[in-house]
Amino acid sequence: MNITSKQVEKLMLEDYNFSQLGFSMMLTRLKGVYAGNPSQEVLENATKEINAFLEKFKGIMKKDLAIISEIGG
């Protein structure tokens, strides 16, 4: 599953509860970076990093992938 930069932007601006601690920690870090520099470049880098994480850990992220898939974008 690949998510779009529009979905990532919603992840950066809204609060969601995810079951995987590693994913939540990564989002917290990326939100801080995005808050400091809300540019398209930062958003694209966050999208790449999140997609890489999801690809690597898709087997243990079924609940979280369901939440992400409901985010419009």
N, C-alpha and C. Protein backbone atom coordinates (compact mmCIF):
# COMPACT_ATOMS: atom_id res chain seq x y z
N MET A 1 0.84 -1.18 0.00
CA MET A 1 0.00 0.00 0.00
C MET A 1 0.88 1.24 0.00
N ASN A 2 0.66 2.12 -0.93
CA ASN A 2 1.34 3.42 -0.96
C ASN A 2 0.32 4.51 -0.65
N ILE A 3 0.73 5.43 0.20
CA ILE A 3 -0.17 6.54 0.49
C ILE A 3 0.32 7.78 -0.26
N THR A 4 -0.60 8.68 -0.49
CA THR A 4 -0.30 9.88 -1.26
C THR A 4 0.20 11.00 -0.35
N SER A 5 0.79 12.00 -0.96
CA SER A 5 1.26 13.15 -0.17
C SER A 5 0.08 13.88 0.46
N LYS A 6 -1.10 13.82 -0.16
CA LYS A 6 -2.30 14.44 0.43
C LYS A 6 -2.68 13.72 1.72
N GLN A 7 -2.59 12.40 1.71
CA GLN A 7 -2.86 11.63 2.93
C GLN A 7 -1.82 11.92 4.00
N VAL A 8 -0.57 12.03 3.59
CA VAL A 8 0.50 12.33 4.54
C VAL A 8 0.29 13.72 5.14
N GLU A 9 -0.14 14.66 4.34
CA GLU A 9 -0.40 16.00 4.86
C GLU A 9 -1.47 15.95 5.94
N LYS A 10 -2.51 15.14 5.74
CA LYS A 10 -3.54 14.98 6.77
C LYS A 10 -2.95 14.33 8.03
N LEU A 11 -2.05 13.35 7.83
CA LEU A 11 -1.39 12.74 8.99
C LEU A 11 -0.56 13.76 9.76
N MET A 12 0.05 14.71 9.05
CA MET A 12 0.89 15.73 9.67
C MET A 12 0.06 16.76 10.44
N LEU A 13 -1.17 17.00 10.00
CA LEU A 13 -1.97 18.07 10.57
C LEU A 13 -3.05 17.62 11.55
N GLU A 14 -3.38 16.34 11.52
CA GLU A 14 -4.43 15.82 12.39
C GLU A 14 -3.87 14.75 13.31
N ASP A 15 -4.63 14.42 14.34
CA ASP A 15 -4.19 13.41 15.30
C ASP A 15 -4.94 12.10 15.06
N TYR A 16 -4.20 11.04 14.92
CA TYR A 16 -4.74 9.70 14.77
C TYR A 16 -4.07 8.80 15.80
N ASN A 17 -4.78 7.78 16.23
CA ASN A 17 -4.22 6.82 17.18
C ASN A 17 -3.87 5.53 16.45
N PHE A 18 -2.57 5.21 16.44
CA PHE A 18 -2.10 4.00 15.79
C PHE A 18 -1.60 3.02 16.83
N SER A 19 -1.72 1.74 16.53
CA SER A 19 -1.34 0.71 17.50
C SER A 19 0.17 0.44 17.51
N GLN A 20 0.85 0.70 16.40
CA GLN A 20 2.29 0.43 16.32
C GLN A 20 3.10 1.61 16.84
N LEU A 21 3.81 1.39 17.92
CA LEU A 21 4.59 2.43 18.57
C LEU A 21 5.63 3.04 17.62
N GLY A 22 6.32 2.20 16.86
CA GLY A 22 7.35 2.69 15.94
C GLY A 22 6.77 3.65 14.91
N PHE A 23 5.61 3.32 14.39
CA PHE A 23 4.96 4.18 13.41
C PHE A 23 4.54 5.50 14.05
N SER A 24 3.98 5.43 15.24
CA SER A 24 3.58 6.65 15.96
C SER A 24 4.77 7.55 16.26
N MET A 25 5.89 6.94 16.65
CA MET A 25 7.09 7.73 16.94
C MET A 25 7.63 8.40 15.68
N MET A 26 7.62 7.68 14.57
CA MET A 26 8.07 8.26 13.31
C MET A 26 7.17 9.43 12.91
N LEU A 27 5.86 9.27 13.07
CA LEU A 27 4.94 10.36 12.74
C LEU A 27 5.17 11.58 13.62
N THR A 28 5.43 11.36 14.89
CA THR A 28 5.70 12.47 15.80
C THR A 28 6.93 13.25 15.35
N ARG A 29 7.97 12.53 14.97
CA ARG A 29 9.19 13.18 14.48
C ARG A 29 8.92 13.94 13.18
N LEU A 30 8.21 13.30 12.25
CA LEU A 30 7.93 13.94 10.97
C LEU A 30 7.01 15.15 11.14
N LYS A 31 6.07 15.08 12.08
CA LYS A 31 5.20 16.24 12.35
C LYS A 31 6.02 17.43 12.83
N GLY A 32 7.02 17.16 13.67
CA GLY A 32 7.89 18.23 14.15
C GLY A 32 8.67 18.88 13.02
N VAL A 33 9.18 18.06 12.12
CA VAL A 33 9.93 18.58 10.96
C VAL A 33 8.99 19.40 10.08
N TYR A 34 7.81 18.87 9.84
CA TYR A 34 6.84 19.55 8.96
C TYR A 34 6.34 20.86 9.60
N ALA A 35 6.16 20.86 10.91
CA ALA A 35 5.72 22.08 11.60
C ALA A 35 6.77 23.18 11.47
N GLY A 36 8.04 22.80 11.49
CA GLY A 36 9.12 23.77 11.36
C GLY A 36 9.34 24.25 9.94
N ASN A 37 8.94 23.44 8.97
CA ASN A 37 9.15 23.78 7.56
C ASN A 37 8.06 23.09 6.72
N PRO A 38 6.87 23.69 6.67
CA PRO A 38 5.76 23.05 5.95
C PRO A 38 5.85 23.22 4.42
N SER A 39 6.94 22.75 3.86
CA SER A 39 7.16 22.89 2.42
C SER A 39 6.78 21.60 1.69
N GLN A 40 6.63 21.70 0.39
CA GLN A 40 6.31 20.55 -0.43
C GLN A 40 7.45 19.52 -0.39
N GLU A 41 8.67 19.99 -0.32
CA GLU A 41 9.83 19.09 -0.27
C GLU A 41 9.80 18.24 0.99
N VAL A 42 9.53 18.85 2.12
CA VAL A 42 9.44 18.11 3.39
C VAL A 42 8.30 17.11 3.33
N LEU A 43 7.18 17.52 2.75
CA LEU A 43 6.03 16.63 2.62
C LEU A 43 6.36 15.43 1.73
N GLU A 44 7.04 15.66 0.63
CA GLU A 44 7.42 14.57 -0.27
C GLU A 44 8.40 13.61 0.40
N ASN A 45 9.35 14.14 1.17
CA ASN A 45 10.29 13.29 1.90
C ASN A 45 9.58 12.46 2.95
N ALA A 46 8.62 13.07 3.64
CA ALA A 46 7.83 12.34 4.64
C ALA A 46 7.02 11.24 3.97
N THR A 47 6.46 11.53 2.80
CA THR A 47 5.69 10.53 2.07
C THR A 47 6.56 9.33 1.71
N LYS A 48 7.76 9.57 1.24
CA LYS A 48 8.68 8.49 0.89
C LYS A 48 9.04 7.67 2.12
N GLU A 49 9.33 8.34 3.23
CA GLU A 49 9.72 7.63 4.45
C GLU A 49 8.57 6.79 5.00
N ILE A 50 7.37 7.35 5.00
CA ILE A 50 6.21 6.61 5.50
C ILE A 50 5.92 5.41 4.61
N ASN A 51 5.97 5.60 3.29
CA ASN A 51 5.72 4.48 2.38
C ASN A 51 6.76 3.37 2.54
N ALA A 52 8.01 3.74 2.77
CA ALA A 52 9.06 2.74 3.00
C ALA A 52 8.78 1.96 4.28
N PHE A 53 8.37 2.67 5.33
CA PHE A 53 8.04 2.04 6.60
C PHE A 53 6.87 1.07 6.42
N LEU A 54 5.81 1.54 5.76
CA LEU A 54 4.63 0.71 5.57
C LEU A 54 4.95 -0.54 4.75
N GLU A 55 5.79 -0.39 3.75
CA GLU A 55 6.17 -1.55 2.94
C GLU A 55 6.94 -2.56 3.77
N LYS A 56 7.85 -2.08 4.59
CA LYS A 56 8.68 -2.97 5.40
C LYS A 56 7.88 -3.70 6.48
N PHE A 57 6.92 -2.99 7.08
CA PHE A 57 6.20 -3.55 8.23
C PHE A 57 4.72 -3.82 7.97
N LYS A 58 4.34 -3.97 6.71
CA LYS A 58 2.93 -4.15 6.38
C LYS A 58 2.31 -5.38 7.04
N GLY A 59 3.12 -6.37 7.32
CA GLY A 59 2.62 -7.59 7.95
C GLY A 59 2.09 -7.39 9.36
N ILE A 60 2.63 -6.42 10.07
CA ILE A 60 2.21 -6.20 11.46
C ILE A 60 1.37 -4.93 11.61
N MET A 61 1.02 -4.30 10.49
CA MET A 61 0.32 -3.01 10.57
C MET A 61 -1.10 -3.05 10.01
N LYS A 62 -1.73 -4.20 10.04
CA LYS A 62 -3.05 -4.34 9.44
C LYS A 62 -4.07 -3.36 10.03
N LYS A 63 -4.10 -3.22 11.36
CA LYS A 63 -5.05 -2.30 12.00
C LYS A 63 -4.75 -0.85 11.58
N ASP A 64 -3.50 -0.50 11.56
CA ASP A 64 -3.11 0.87 11.22
C ASP A 64 -3.32 1.15 9.74
N LEU A 65 -3.10 0.16 8.89
CA LEU A 65 -3.34 0.35 7.46
C LEU A 65 -4.81 0.59 7.18
N ALA A 66 -5.68 -0.02 7.97
CA ALA A 66 -7.13 0.22 7.82
C ALA A 66 -7.46 1.67 8.13
N ILE A 67 -6.83 2.22 9.16
CA ILE A 67 -7.05 3.63 9.52
C ILE A 67 -6.52 4.54 8.41
N ILE A 68 -5.33 4.24 7.94
CA ILE A 68 -4.71 5.07 6.89
C ILE A 68 -5.53 5.03 5.61
N SER A 69 -6.06 3.86 5.27
CA SER A 69 -6.83 3.74 4.03
C SER A 69 -8.11 4.56 4.07
N GLU A 70 -8.61 4.87 5.27
CA GLU A 70 -9.82 5.68 5.40
C GLU A 70 -9.54 7.17 5.27
N ILE A 71 -8.27 7.56 5.32
CA ILE A 71 -7.92 8.96 5.18
C ILE A 71 -8.02 9.33 3.70
N GLY A 72 -8.82 10.30 3.41
CA GLY A 72 -8.99 10.71 2.01
C GLY A 72 -7.74 11.32 1.42
N GLY A 73 -7.60 11.21 0.13
CA GLY A 73 -6.45 11.80 -0.52
C GLY A 73 -6.26 11.17 -1.79
